[in-house]
Protein backbone atom coordinates (compact mmCIF):
# COMPACT_ATOMS: atom_id res chain seq x y z
CA UNK A 1 29.34 29.47 17.74
CA UNK A 2 28.50 25.79 17.85
CA UNK A 3 25.90 24.73 20.40
CA UNK A 4 26.34 21.16 21.59
CA UNK A 5 23.95 19.95 24.28
CA UNK A 6 24.94 17.71 27.15
CA UNK A 7 22.46 15.19 25.82
CA UNK A 8 24.63 14.86 22.75
CA UNK A 9 26.82 12.36 24.61
CA UNK A 10 23.83 10.05 25.01
CA UNK A 11 22.83 10.58 21.41
CA UNK A 12 26.34 9.76 20.20
CA UNK A 13 26.49 6.54 22.23
CA UNK A 14 23.06 5.49 21.05
CA UNK A 15 24.00 6.07 17.43
CA UNK A 16 27.05 3.83 17.81
CA UNK A 17 24.85 0.76 17.61
CA UNK A 18 24.35 -0.55 14.08
CA UNK A 19 20.60 -0.88 13.54
CA UNK A 20 20.25 -1.09 9.78
CA UNK A 21 22.00 -1.66 6.48
CA UNK A 22 23.39 1.82 5.86
CA UNK A 23 26.58 3.00 7.47
CA UNK A 24 26.69 5.44 10.35
CA UNK A 25 29.76 6.74 12.14
CA UNK A 26 30.87 4.53 15.03
CA UNK A 27 31.96 5.68 18.50
CA UNK A 28 31.54 9.39 17.73
CA UNK A 29 30.03 11.70 15.16
CA UNK A 30 32.92 13.11 13.20
CA UNK A 31 32.13 16.66 12.18
CA UNK A 32 31.78 16.67 8.39
CA UNK A 33 34.27 18.80 6.52
CA UNK A 34 31.72 20.16 4.08
CA UNK A 35 31.41 23.57 2.49
CA UNK A 36 27.86 24.28 1.36
CA UNK A 37 27.37 25.83 -2.07
CA UNK A 38 23.59 25.93 -2.24
CA UNK A 39 20.54 26.34 0.00
CA UNK A 40 16.91 25.30 0.40
CA UNK A 41 15.88 28.57 -1.22
CA UNK A 42 18.00 27.68 -4.25
CA UNK A 43 16.42 24.20 -4.32
CA UNK A 44 13.02 25.86 -4.68
CA UNK A 45 14.38 28.32 -7.22
CA UNK A 46 15.74 25.47 -9.37
CA UNK A 47 12.28 23.92 -9.63
CA UNK A 48 10.64 27.28 -10.28
CA UNK A 49 13.10 27.88 -13.12
CA UNK A 50 12.26 24.44 -14.56
CA UNK A 51 8.59 25.38 -14.42
CA UNK A 52 9.14 28.73 -16.11
CA UNK A 53 11.15 27.16 -18.94
CA UNK A 54 9.41 23.80 -19.47
CA UNK A 55 6.27 23.92 -17.28
CA UNK A 56 7.70 21.12 -15.14
CA UNK A 57 6.92 20.72 -11.44
CA UNK A 58 9.86 18.36 -10.87
CA UNK A 59 13.60 18.96 -11.07
CA UNK A 60 16.51 16.50 -10.76
CA UNK A 61 19.89 17.80 -9.60
CA UNK A 62 22.76 16.85 -11.92
CA UNK A 63 25.59 14.62 -10.69
CA UNK A 64 28.92 16.42 -10.55
CA UNK A 65 31.58 14.39 -8.75
CA UNK A 66 34.16 17.19 -8.96
CA UNK A 67 31.85 19.82 -7.49
CA UNK A 68 28.80 18.24 -5.78
CA UNK A 69 25.93 20.41 -4.56
CA UNK A 70 25.57 20.58 -0.76
CA UNK A 71 23.01 22.34 1.41
CA UNK A 72 22.75 22.77 5.17
CA UNK A 73 19.52 22.18 7.08
CA UNK A 74 18.12 21.56 10.56
CA UNK A 75 15.77 18.71 11.51
CA UNK A 76 12.35 19.69 12.91
CA UNK A 77 10.35 16.43 12.68
CA UNK A 78 10.47 13.42 14.97
CA UNK A 79 8.83 10.07 14.20
CA UNK A 80 9.28 8.51 17.66
CA UNK A 81 5.55 8.88 18.44
CA UNK A 82 4.50 7.62 15.01
CA UNK A 83 3.07 10.87 13.68
CA UNK A 84 5.63 10.98 10.87
CA UNK A 85 6.52 7.92 8.80
CA UNK A 86 9.45 7.52 6.45
CA UNK A 87 9.92 11.24 6.09
CA UNK A 88 12.18 13.90 7.52
CA UNK A 89 11.20 17.58 7.67
CA UNK A 90 14.04 20.10 7.69
CA UNK A 91 14.35 23.89 7.55
CA UNK A 92 17.21 26.21 6.61
CA UNK A 93 17.77 27.99 9.93
CA UNK A 94 17.21 27.48 13.65
CA UNK A 95 15.43 30.84 13.85
CA UNK A 96 13.32 32.75 11.31
CA UNK A 97 13.70 30.16 8.53
CA UNK A 98 13.03 31.16 4.93
CA UNK A 99 12.45 27.65 3.56
CA UNK A 100 11.61 24.12 4.63
CA UNK A 101 11.27 20.83 2.80
CA UNK A 102 9.85 17.34 3.30
CA UNK A 103 12.33 14.53 2.53
CA UNK A 104 11.04 11.05 1.68
CA UNK A 105 13.29 8.29 3.08
CA UNK A 106 12.54 4.56 2.90
CA UNK A 107 13.38 3.91 6.51
CA UNK A 108 11.25 3.99 9.68
CA UNK A 109 12.54 5.14 13.07
CA UNK A 110 14.47 8.06 11.63
CA UNK A 111 14.48 9.74 15.05
CA UNK A 112 17.04 7.17 16.19
CA UNK A 113 19.56 8.80 13.88
CA UNK A 114 18.30 12.37 13.37
CA UNK A 115 17.44 14.45 16.43
CA UNK A 116 15.19 17.50 16.41
CA UNK A 117 17.48 20.50 16.03
CA UNK A 118 20.33 18.52 14.52
CA UNK A 119 22.33 20.19 11.80
CA UNK A 120 22.75 18.03 8.71
CA UNK A 121 24.31 18.38 5.28
CA UNK A 122 22.53 17.03 2.22
CA UNK A 123 24.23 16.16 -1.05
CA UNK A 124 21.65 16.95 -3.72
CA UNK A 125 23.35 15.29 -6.72
CA UNK A 126 20.95 12.73 -8.21
CA UNK A 127 18.05 13.71 -5.95
CA UNK A 128 14.81 15.22 -7.25
CA UNK A 129 12.52 17.90 -5.88
CA UNK A 130 8.81 18.18 -6.69
CA UNK A 131 6.11 20.74 -5.95
CA UNK A 132 2.40 20.33 -5.29
CA UNK A 133 -0.21 22.95 -4.35
CA UNK A 134 -3.27 20.70 -4.72
CA UNK A 135 -4.69 22.63 -7.65
CA UNK A 136 -5.89 21.11 -10.91
CA UNK A 137 -3.20 23.20 -12.61
CA UNK A 138 -0.10 23.21 -10.41
CA UNK A 139 1.92 26.42 -10.52
CA UNK A 140 4.82 27.06 -8.09
CA UNK A 141 4.87 30.74 -9.05
CA UNK A 142 1.26 31.62 -8.17
CA UNK A 143 -0.17 32.77 -4.84
CA UNK A 144 -1.47 29.34 -3.77
CA UNK A 145 0.64 27.88 -0.97
CA UNK A 146 2.23 24.53 -1.86
CA UNK A 147 4.88 22.18 -0.51
CA UNK A 148 8.24 21.00 -1.84
CA UNK A 149 9.30 17.37 -1.50
CA UNK A 150 12.79 15.89 -1.91
CA UNK A 151 13.46 12.28 -2.89
CA UNK A 152 14.56 10.18 -5.85
CA UNK A 153 12.95 10.07 -9.27
CA UNK A 154 10.74 7.03 -9.82
CA UNK A 155 9.66 7.35 -13.46
CA UNK A 156 7.67 10.57 -13.29
CA UNK A 157 7.24 10.98 -9.52
CA UNK A 158 9.46 11.72 -6.54
CA UNK A 159 9.73 8.64 -4.33
CA UNK A 160 11.50 7.54 -1.16
CA UNK A 161 15.29 7.55 -1.03
CA UNK A 162 16.44 3.93 -0.37
CA UNK A 163 18.05 3.46 3.05
CA UNK A 164 21.14 2.06 1.30
CA UNK A 165 21.69 5.46 -0.33
CA UNK A 166 21.49 7.56 2.83
CA UNK A 167 25.25 7.45 3.37
CA UNK A 168 25.69 9.02 -0.07
CA UNK A 169 23.42 11.99 0.61
CA UNK A 170 23.16 12.70 4.36
CA UNK A 171 25.96 13.82 6.68
CA UNK A 172 25.18 14.48 10.32
CA UNK A 173 26.78 17.23 12.33
CA UNK A 174 27.43 16.92 16.06
CA UNK A 175 25.58 20.21 16.52
CA UNK A 176 22.09 19.93 18.03
CA UNK A 177 20.30 23.24 18.48
CA UNK A 178 17.10 24.45 20.05
CA UNK A 179 14.75 25.35 17.20
CA UNK A 180 12.87 28.60 17.84
CA UNK A 181 9.34 28.42 16.43
CA UNK A 182 8.21 31.23 14.16
CA UNK A 183 5.22 32.96 15.76
CA UNK A 184 2.42 33.22 13.21
CA UNK A 185 -1.33 33.60 12.93
CA UNK A 186 -3.64 32.28 10.26
CA UNK A 187 -3.79 35.58 8.39
CA UNK A 188 -0.04 35.93 7.78
CA UNK A 189 1.00 32.45 6.66
CA UNK A 190 3.16 32.33 3.55
CA UNK A 191 4.93 29.65 1.54
CA UNK A 192 8.16 30.20 3.48
CA UNK A 193 6.37 28.77 6.54
CA UNK A 194 5.52 25.44 4.86
CA UNK A 195 7.55 22.57 6.36
CA UNK A 196 8.94 24.76 9.14
CA UNK A 197 8.45 24.91 12.91
CA UNK A 198 5.75 27.46 13.82
CA UNK A 199 3.80 28.61 16.85
CA UNK A 200 0.24 29.81 17.37
CA UNK A 201 0.32 31.88 20.56
CA UNK A 202 -3.40 32.01 21.31
CA UNK A 203 -5.27 28.97 20.06
CA UNK A 204 -7.73 26.29 21.11
CA UNK A 205 -9.63 23.40 19.61
CA UNK A 206 -13.04 24.31 18.25
CA UNK A 207 -15.91 23.72 20.64
CA UNK A 208 -17.31 20.92 18.47
CA UNK A 209 -14.02 19.02 18.79
CA UNK A 210 -14.02 18.89 22.60
CA UNK A 211 -14.22 15.33 23.91
CA UNK A 212 -12.72 13.78 20.78
CA UNK A 213 -9.44 11.93 20.57
CA UNK A 214 -6.56 13.08 18.35
CA UNK A 215 -7.30 10.44 15.70
CA UNK A 216 -9.26 7.60 17.26
CA UNK A 217 -12.79 8.45 16.09
CA UNK A 218 -14.85 6.15 13.79
CA UNK A 219 -14.48 8.47 10.78
CA UNK A 220 -10.70 8.72 11.14
CA UNK A 221 -9.20 6.61 8.37
CA UNK A 222 -5.48 7.24 7.85
CA UNK A 223 -5.40 10.53 9.73
CA UNK A 224 -7.57 12.43 12.16
CA UNK A 225 -8.22 16.12 11.52
CA UNK A 226 -9.20 18.36 14.45
CA UNK A 227 -9.92 22.05 13.92
CA UNK A 228 -7.67 24.47 15.77
CA UNK A 229 -9.19 27.91 16.29
CA UNK A 230 -6.85 30.91 16.16
CA UNK A 231 -8.23 33.37 18.72
CA UNK A 232 -6.51 36.34 17.09
CA UNK A 233 -7.86 35.90 13.56
CA UNK A 234 -10.99 33.85 14.36
CA UNK A 235 -9.86 31.42 11.65
CA UNK A 236 -9.24 27.68 11.75
CA UNK A 237 -6.59 25.20 10.64
CA UNK A 238 -6.69 21.44 10.90
CA UNK A 239 -4.37 19.54 13.22
CA UNK A 240 -3.46 16.33 11.38
CA UNK A 241 -2.65 13.23 13.45
CA UNK A 242 -1.85 9.79 12.07
CA UNK A 243 -4.08 6.92 13.16
CA UNK A 244 -0.83 5.00 13.68
CA UNK A 245 0.49 7.51 16.23
CA UNK A 246 1.00 6.39 19.82
CA UNK A 247 -1.30 9.16 21.06
CA UNK A 248 -4.21 8.59 18.65
CA UNK A 249 -6.58 7.70 21.52
CA UNK A 250 -5.58 10.62 23.74
CA UNK A 251 -8.38 13.13 24.37
CA UNK A 252 -7.59 16.56 22.96
CA UNK A 253 -7.23 19.38 25.54
CA UNK A 254 -10.22 21.66 26.12
CA UNK A 255 -8.41 24.82 27.28
CA UNK A 256 -6.48 27.35 25.18
CA UNK A 257 -2.86 28.36 24.90
CA UNK A 258 0.19 27.73 22.72
CA UNK A 259 0.62 25.24 19.86
CA UNK A 260 4.05 24.42 18.46
CA UNK A 261 3.78 22.48 15.21
CA UNK A 262 5.15 21.89 11.75
CA UNK A 263 3.11 23.62 9.07
CA UNK A 264 2.41 21.40 6.08
CA UNK A 265 -0.33 20.42 3.67
CA UNK A 266 -2.47 17.29 3.62
CA UNK A 267 -1.62 14.22 1.51
CA UNK A 268 -3.24 15.73 -1.58
CA UNK A 269 -1.75 19.18 -0.80
CA UNK A 270 -5.18 20.81 -1.00
CA UNK A 271 -5.30 22.41 2.44
CA UNK A 272 -2.97 23.55 5.19
CA UNK A 273 -2.42 21.37 8.24
CA UNK A 274 -0.45 21.59 11.47
CA UNK A 275 1.40 18.46 12.61
CA UNK A 276 2.87 17.90 16.06
CA UNK A 277 5.70 15.55 17.02
CA UNK A 278 4.08 14.75 20.37
CA UNK A 279 1.11 16.06 22.44
CA UNK A 280 3.62 18.00 24.58
CA UNK A 281 3.81 20.48 21.68
CA UNK A 282 0.34 21.65 22.75
CA UNK A 283 0.39 23.78 25.91
CA UNK A 284 -3.25 24.59 26.63
CA UNK A 285 -3.33 25.74 30.25
CA UNK A 286 -5.64 28.80 30.09
CA UNK A 287 -9.18 27.94 31.22
CA UNK A 288 -10.91 30.93 29.62
CA UNK A 289 -11.68 30.08 26.01
CA UNK A 290 -12.23 32.41 23.04
CA UNK A 291 -15.20 30.73 21.38
CA UNK A 292 -17.10 32.68 18.71
CA UNK A 293 -20.19 34.53 19.88
CA UNK A 294 -23.16 32.23 19.34
CA UNK A 295 -26.81 33.12 19.89
CA UNK A 296 -27.44 32.53 23.59
CA UNK A 297 -31.08 32.28 24.60
CA UNK A 298 -30.38 30.21 27.68
CA UNK A 299 -30.98 26.56 28.46
CA UNK A 300 -33.53 24.57 26.49
CA UNK A 301 -36.13 23.05 28.79
CA UNK A 302 -38.83 21.26 26.81
CA UNK A 303 -39.57 21.14 23.10
CA UNK A 304 -43.05 22.28 22.15
CA UNK A 305 -45.38 20.03 20.20
CA UNK A 306 -46.66 22.77 17.91
CA UNK A 307 -44.78 23.12 14.61
CA UNK A 308 -44.20 26.75 13.62
CA UNK A 309 -42.10 26.01 10.53
CA UNK A 310 -41.28 22.75 8.77
CA UNK A 311 -39.40 22.01 5.56
CA UNK A 312 -38.38 18.50 4.48
CA UNK A 313 -37.82 19.46 0.78
CA UNK A 314 -39.85 16.47 -0.45
CA UNK A 315 -41.94 18.70 -2.73
CA UNK A 316 -39.03 20.89 -3.84
CA UNK A 317 -37.43 19.34 -6.91
CA UNK A 318 -36.02 22.41 -8.65
CA UNK A 319 -34.65 25.84 -7.91
CA UNK A 320 -37.86 27.37 -9.23
CA UNK A 321 -39.88 25.38 -6.67
CA UNK A 322 -37.42 26.40 -3.96
CA UNK A 323 -37.86 30.10 -4.73
CA UNK A 324 -41.65 29.76 -4.92
CA UNK A 325 -41.56 28.27 -1.42
CA UNK A 326 -39.96 31.49 -0.17
CA UNK A 327 -36.35 30.34 0.04
CA UNK A 328 -33.38 32.36 -1.19
CA UNK A 329 -30.52 30.55 -2.96
CA UNK A 330 -27.73 33.11 -3.29
CA UNK A 331 -24.29 32.72 -4.81
CA UNK A 332 -22.35 35.51 -3.08
CA UNK A 333 -20.14 36.06 -6.14
CA UNK A 334 -23.06 36.12 -8.57
CA UNK A 335 -22.12 32.86 -10.26
CA UNK A 336 -24.29 29.88 -11.18
CA UNK A 337 -23.27 27.30 -8.55
CA UNK A 338 -26.03 27.02 -5.95
CA UNK A 339 -27.75 24.53 -3.69
CA UNK A 340 -29.64 21.88 -5.69
CA UNK A 341 -32.40 19.44 -4.84
CA UNK A 342 -31.24 15.83 -4.76
CA UNK A 343 -32.53 12.54 -3.42
CA UNK A 344 -31.06 9.32 -2.11
CA UNK A 345 -32.81 6.27 -0.70
CA UNK A 346 -36.19 7.88 -1.21
CA UNK A 347 -35.26 10.98 0.78
CA UNK A 348 -34.95 14.45 -0.78
CA UNK A 349 -32.66 17.20 0.53
CA UNK A 350 -30.65 20.26 -0.53
CA UNK A 351 -27.10 19.51 -1.67
CA UNK A 352 -23.95 21.51 -2.50
CA UNK A 353 -20.27 20.87 -3.24
CA UNK A 354 -17.48 23.10 -4.54
CA UNK A 355 -16.09 20.17 -6.56
CA UNK A 356 -15.91 21.01 -10.28
CA UNK A 357 -17.64 24.34 -9.60
CA UNK A 358 -14.81 26.35 -11.10
CA UNK A 359 -15.20 28.77 -8.18
CA UNK A 360 -12.47 29.60 -5.69
CA UNK A 361 -13.80 30.60 -3.28
CA UNK A 362 -17.37 29.35 -3.55
CA UNK A 363 -19.79 31.02 -1.15
CA UNK A 364 -23.49 30.17 -1.33
CA UNK A 365 -26.27 31.04 1.11
CA UNK A 366 -29.50 29.08 1.51
CA UNK A 367 -31.87 31.38 3.42
CA UNK A 368 -35.21 30.27 4.79
CA UNK A 369 -38.54 32.04 4.29
CA UNK A 370 -39.57 34.49 6.99
CA UNK A 371 -40.51 32.81 10.29
CA UNK A 372 -42.69 34.94 12.60
CA UNK A 373 -41.98 34.50 16.32
CA UNK A 374 -44.31 37.23 17.64
CA UNK A 375 -47.23 34.94 18.50
CA UNK A 376 -45.25 32.07 20.02
CA UNK A 377 -42.80 31.33 22.80
CA UNK A 378 -40.07 28.83 23.68
CA UNK A 379 -39.18 28.34 20.03
CA UNK A 380 -36.68 25.58 19.22
CA UNK A 381 -34.87 25.07 15.91
CA UNK A 382 -33.68 21.65 14.70
CA UNK A 383 -32.38 20.37 11.37
CA UNK A 384 -30.42 17.44 9.93
CA UNK A 385 -27.17 17.45 7.95
CA UNK A 386 -25.10 14.89 6.10
CA UNK A 387 -21.63 15.15 4.55
CA UNK A 388 -19.74 13.25 1.89
CA UNK A 389 -16.16 13.27 0.58
CA UNK A 390 -15.33 15.41 3.59
CA UNK A 391 -12.03 17.26 3.22
CA UNK A 392 -12.78 20.20 5.45
CA UNK A 393 -15.30 22.43 7.19
CA UNK A 394 -17.62 24.32 4.82
CA UNK A 395 -20.79 25.16 6.77
CA UNK A 396 -21.94 27.95 9.09
CA UNK A 397 -25.53 28.40 10.28
CA UNK A 398 -26.90 31.84 11.12
CA UNK A 399 -30.07 33.65 12.15
CA UNK A 400 -31.05 37.20 11.19
CA UNK A 401 -33.85 39.56 12.15
CA UNK A 402 -33.28 42.05 9.33
CA UNK A 403 -32.61 40.03 6.17
CA UNK A 404 -34.36 41.64 3.18
CA UNK A 405 -32.77 39.80 0.26
CA UNK A 406 -29.11 40.85 0.47
CA UNK A 407 -26.97 38.66 2.75
CA UNK A 408 -24.24 41.32 2.81
CA UNK A 409 -26.40 43.99 4.44
CA UNK A 410 -28.18 41.77 6.99
CA UNK A 411 -26.96 41.26 10.55
CA UNK A 412 -26.22 37.57 11.16
CA UNK A 413 -25.76 35.76 14.46
CA UNK A 414 -23.98 32.42 14.50
CA UNK A 415 -25.92 29.41 15.79
CA UNK A 416 -24.28 26.74 17.94
CA UNK A 417 -25.33 23.67 15.97
CA UNK A 418 -24.01 20.13 15.71
CA UNK A 419 -23.02 19.55 12.07
CA UNK A 420 -22.20 16.37 10.19
CA UNK A 421 -18.57 15.32 9.68
CA UNK A 422 -16.92 12.71 7.40
CA UNK A 423 -16.35 10.37 5.74
CA UNK A 424 -13.54 11.32 3.36
CA UNK A 425 -14.85 8.89 0.72
CA UNK A 426 -18.53 8.25 0.09
CA UNK A 427 -21.31 9.62 2.28
CA UNK A 428 -22.32 9.20 5.89
CA UNK A 429 -24.87 6.45 6.40
CA UNK A 430 -27.12 8.66 8.54
CA UNK A 431 -28.03 12.34 8.86
CA UNK A 432 -26.77 14.17 11.96
CA UNK A 433 -29.26 16.11 14.08
CA UNK A 434 -28.33 19.69 14.95
CA UNK A 435 -29.40 19.43 18.54
CA UNK A 436 -32.03 21.74 20.06
CA UNK A 437 -31.20 25.38 19.30
CA UNK A 438 -33.07 27.84 21.52
CA UNK A 439 -34.55 30.83 19.64
CA UNK A 440 -36.85 32.01 22.44
CA UNK A 441 -34.99 35.29 23.05
CA UNK A 442 -35.75 36.45 19.50
CA UNK A 443 -38.89 38.26 18.41
CA UNK A 444 -40.45 39.34 15.15
CA UNK A 445 -39.65 37.82 11.79
CA UNK A 446 -36.43 35.86 11.44
CA UNK A 447 -34.55 33.98 8.71
CA UNK A 448 -32.32 30.93 9.13
CA UNK A 449 -29.33 30.77 6.76
CA UNK A 450 -26.94 27.98 5.76
CA UNK A 451 -23.68 29.46 4.48
CA UNK A 452 -21.43 27.16 2.41
CA UNK A 453 -17.82 28.34 1.94
CA UNK A 454 -15.54 26.07 -0.10
CA UNK A 455 -13.18 26.17 -3.06
CA UNK A 456 -12.80 24.14 -6.24
CA UNK A 457 -9.36 22.59 -5.94
CA UNK A 458 -9.42 23.17 -2.18
CA UNK A 459 -12.12 22.28 0.36
CA UNK A 460 -14.93 20.62 -1.61
CA UNK A 461 -16.93 18.73 1.04
CA UNK A 462 -20.44 17.82 -0.12
CA UNK A 463 -23.00 19.16 2.35
CA UNK A 464 -26.66 18.10 2.58
CA UNK A 465 -29.44 19.81 4.55
CA UNK A 466 -32.84 18.40 5.48
CA UNK A 467 -35.77 18.50 7.94
CA UNK A 468 -35.57 22.13 9.07
CA UNK A 469 -38.12 22.64 11.82
CA UNK A 470 -39.08 25.31 14.36
CA UNK A 471 -41.35 24.16 17.19
CA UNK A 472 -43.14 26.09 19.92
CA UNK A 473 -45.37 25.45 22.93
């Protein structure tokens, strides 16, 4: 049964006004007399077949005037707040969709003509669909999640459909439905969720994000990325917000609750992102957060002047020297990529990136020599970090009291440290201090570990570590 909201009358009247060069129905929206003979799933299948036969990641639908190809879809994106630009995101059903797609259209203010939940028909003849999963070798049939994009063929790429051609491809229905978000968590995402409306039921922004704006920070270039923490899986996904959005300077909420968003991938399709139409899609009204369990030794009072452990890496210029100094440099998968000694501007530090490593995932641990806390008190840990070509979070810092050479068998406790972020191109001009981390509730011999988790073809942020120091009274 058709569902037509009372607000449709306002929408119809608003759409009567001619605002651009392509034609829209006047006075009313006449229900299109269209019988669909394809679907979004078949759009994806057509490209997958092209890949299987010719290794192509682009497919152009043939023009057949006697029997054109039509699909039905429902709009889920809205560009009124500026978080989408010249693109429309649609899915194949108002509930439990099986496919979604991003459509490139050379026209701003698409929300004036396409409402969220509106049923539309798309004539595919002459349009092209492409696929990108952000890998060096793109494969729409493998397990890596990618996104499909619809547009027109511009030489060898899919580009924006000219506004003058919209009347030839898009037909609006008078039906406007309520889209039911698909409830997901970060462990059960699949490709069918890409470019569809989803919901995280129990989420919050990571503790290190609190106090930031959506995309108004100095390191935010074209988009701001804020880590959302899924309380159920203890995993994270980035919320992507355009720096041209109307809410870029709004402070992100500090509580936890529900997030309704469109699941997509970043511009290079390397990592998953969640995108909201407006801040109202975030309903964080539960005060009790679900932060990970960090080491909690109480409040830091004063920092002692006596140095219990100090490493600035100035005399460590090779892995051999690093091992002789008592450090462990462990590739969890037994491969060759490890932390290396590098220098810049006369300063030496340890450096690691997953870029060109050939490892997916890449997990490497840099573990300190043993630090004895038995004959000291009020111990405080500090260190400095710097990032470059930042495209995602890669670092965790831990402490252990029973590490004996195997990171898998040791018990590790996460440390609440301030870590460097950005920029997405080049390196940060200064190192970021960790803040004062209280170790005073620990005794005996401990090890500090820096765990890097990235992926060649995925998150490849370069991470640098320096000036690791433990002080005591």
